[in-house]
Amino acid sequence: MIVLDTHVLVWAVSDDRKLGRKARAMIDAAWPAGNIAVATIVFWEIGLLHVRRRLRLPKSVREWREQVVAAGVVEFPLDGNVAVRALDFAGLHDDPADRFIAATAILHGAALMTADERLLAWRHPLERHDARI
């Protein structure tokens, strides 16, 4: 299972060239098998970007989310276990969304795909894939 960071989901769905070839191949192989997931907070972040006009979606956030989930992306909910686990991360920056995304990947035994330098450099055994490669 691969949990996608917010920007990686956007890049994957929009076929953005920022997504590296290796990352694209990993996503393309995992998606049909139901092995691509996102933390619920990803949709909140995308909604904020859309509302603030930093991201253009072809439809409403609600419709976009429904389309992504219908296409096979697994949505992992934000629950108390994720929230509490996100408190335990020594050395990780304080961005709550990043902490929830990382906690989601850890609790589900999944790898995290991101291009976020801070998440990639974080000293933790969480398996990570650089989305730019």
Protein backbone atom coordinates (compact mmCIF):
# COMPACT_ATOMS: atom_id res chain seq x y z
CA MET A 1 0.00 0.00 0.00
CA ILE A 2 1.23 3.49 -0.85
CA VAL A 3 -0.20 6.57 0.88
CA LEU A 4 0.06 9.65 -1.31
CA ASP A 5 0.84 13.09 0.06
CA THR A 6 -1.53 15.85 -1.04
CA HIS A 7 0.58 17.19 -3.90
CA VAL A 8 1.31 13.69 -5.17
CA LEU A 9 -2.40 12.88 -5.48
CA VAL A 10 -2.93 16.11 -7.43
CA TRP A 11 0.05 15.35 -9.68
CA ALA A 12 -1.11 11.77 -10.26
CA VAL A 13 -4.68 12.69 -11.14
CA SER A 14 -3.73 15.64 -13.34
CA ASP A 15 -0.84 13.77 -15.02
CA ASP A 16 1.55 16.53 -13.92
CA ARG A 17 5.14 16.21 -15.12
CA LYS A 18 6.38 16.98 -11.61
CA LEU A 19 5.61 13.35 -10.82
CA GLY A 20 8.73 11.37 -11.66
CA ARG A 21 8.76 8.38 -13.99
CA LYS A 22 9.53 5.85 -11.26
CA ALA A 23 6.84 7.32 -9.00
CA ARG A 24 4.32 7.29 -11.88
CA ALA A 25 5.14 3.65 -12.62
CA MET A 26 4.69 2.71 -8.95
CA ILE A 27 1.32 4.47 -8.81
CA ASP A 28 0.17 2.99 -12.12
CA ALA A 29 1.04 -0.52 -10.88
CA ALA A 30 -0.53 -0.11 -7.44
CA TRP A 31 -3.71 1.80 -8.34
CA PRO A 32 -5.59 -1.00 -10.21
CA ALA A 33 -4.87 -3.38 -7.32
CA GLY A 34 -6.45 -0.98 -4.80
CA ASN A 35 -3.08 -0.21 -3.23
CA ILE A 36 -3.11 3.59 -3.50
CA ALA A 37 -4.48 5.45 -0.51
CA VAL A 38 -4.77 8.92 0.96
CA ALA A 39 -5.47 10.24 4.41
CA THR A 40 -8.80 12.03 4.65
CA ILE A 41 -7.01 15.28 5.49
CA VAL A 42 -5.63 15.32 1.93
CA PHE A 43 -9.07 16.23 0.62
CA TRP A 44 -9.32 19.03 3.17
CA GLU A 45 -5.94 20.40 2.04
CA ILE A 46 -6.97 20.20 -1.61
CA GLY A 47 -10.22 21.98 -0.77
CA LEU A 48 -8.33 24.78 0.95
CA LEU A 49 -6.01 25.18 -2.02
CA HIS A 50 -9.00 25.29 -4.34
CA VAL A 51 -10.88 27.85 -2.24
CA ARG A 52 -7.76 30.01 -2.00
CA ARG A 53 -7.34 29.73 -5.79
CA ARG A 54 -3.92 28.11 -5.49
CA LEU A 55 -5.25 25.01 -7.23
CA ARG A 56 -7.80 24.74 -10.01
CA LEU A 57 -10.02 21.71 -10.06
CA PRO A 58 -12.22 20.85 -13.03
CA LYS A 59 -15.23 20.51 -10.71
CA SER A 60 -16.22 21.09 -7.10
CA VAL A 61 -14.02 19.61 -4.39
CA ARG A 62 -16.82 17.26 -3.42
CA GLU A 63 -17.26 15.98 -6.97
CA TRP A 64 -13.49 15.74 -7.49
CA ARG A 65 -13.10 13.68 -4.30
CA GLU A 66 -15.96 11.39 -5.29
CA GLN A 67 -14.36 10.83 -8.70
CA VAL A 68 -10.95 10.01 -7.16
CA VAL A 69 -12.47 7.56 -4.67
CA ALA A 70 -14.65 5.99 -7.38
CA ALA A 71 -11.49 5.52 -9.47
CA GLY A 72 -10.11 3.28 -6.74
CA VAL A 73 -8.15 5.43 -4.29
CA VAL A 74 -8.60 4.13 -0.75
CA GLU A 75 -9.46 6.83 1.77
CA PHE A 76 -8.13 6.27 5.29
CA PRO A 77 -10.11 8.24 7.89
CA LEU A 78 -8.67 10.54 10.47
CA ASP A 79 -9.46 8.95 13.81
CA GLY A 80 -8.21 9.11 17.37
CA ASN A 81 -5.43 6.61 16.73
CA VAL A 82 -4.04 8.75 13.91
CA ALA A 83 -4.39 11.94 15.94
CA VAL A 84 -2.59 10.51 18.96
CA ARG A 85 0.13 8.85 16.87
CA ALA A 86 0.81 12.18 15.14
CA LEU A 87 1.84 13.60 18.52
CA ASP A 88 4.72 11.14 18.88
CA PHE A 89 6.96 12.31 16.04
CA ALA A 90 10.20 13.72 17.39
CA GLY A 91 12.13 15.62 14.76
CA LEU A 92 9.19 16.18 12.40
CA HIS A 93 7.98 19.71 11.71
CA ASP A 94 4.70 20.85 13.27
CA ASP A 95 2.48 20.91 10.16
CA PRO A 96 -0.58 19.00 11.43
CA ALA A 97 -1.62 17.74 7.98
CA ASP A 98 1.82 16.26 7.31
CA ARG A 99 1.80 14.65 10.74
CA PHE A 100 -1.64 13.11 10.11
CA ILE A 101 -0.57 11.86 6.68
CA ALA A 102 2.59 10.28 8.11
CA ALA A 103 0.67 8.75 11.03
CA THR A 104 -1.88 7.32 8.60
CA ALA A 105 0.85 5.63 6.57
CA ILE A 106 2.53 4.24 9.69
CA LEU A 107 -0.66 2.91 11.26
CA HIS A 108 -1.65 1.18 8.02
CA GLY A 109 1.81 -0.28 7.44
CA ALA A 110 2.06 1.63 4.17
CA ALA A 111 4.82 3.51 2.40
CA LEU A 112 4.49 7.27 1.97
CA MET A 113 5.04 8.93 -1.41
CA THR A 114 5.93 12.61 -1.16
CA ALA A 115 8.17 15.30 -2.60
CA ASP A 116 8.22 17.17 0.70
CA GLU A 117 11.89 17.53 1.65
CA ARG A 118 11.05 17.70 5.35
CA LEU A 119 9.15 14.41 5.26
CA LEU A 120 11.81 12.75 3.11
CA ALA A 121 14.62 13.86 5.46
CA TRP A 122 12.77 12.96 8.66
CA ARG A 123 14.64 10.32 10.67
CA HIS A 124 12.03 7.62 11.08
CA PRO A 125 11.79 4.03 9.78
CA LEU A 126 8.67 4.90 7.73
CA GLU A 127 9.23 3.71 4.16
CA ARG A 128 9.16 6.68 1.79
CA HIS A 129 9.29 7.17 -1.97
CA ASP A 130 10.39 10.45 -3.52
CA ALA A 131 7.62 11.48 -5.90
CA ARG A 132 10.02 13.47 -8.06
CA ILE A 133 11.97 10.40 -9.16
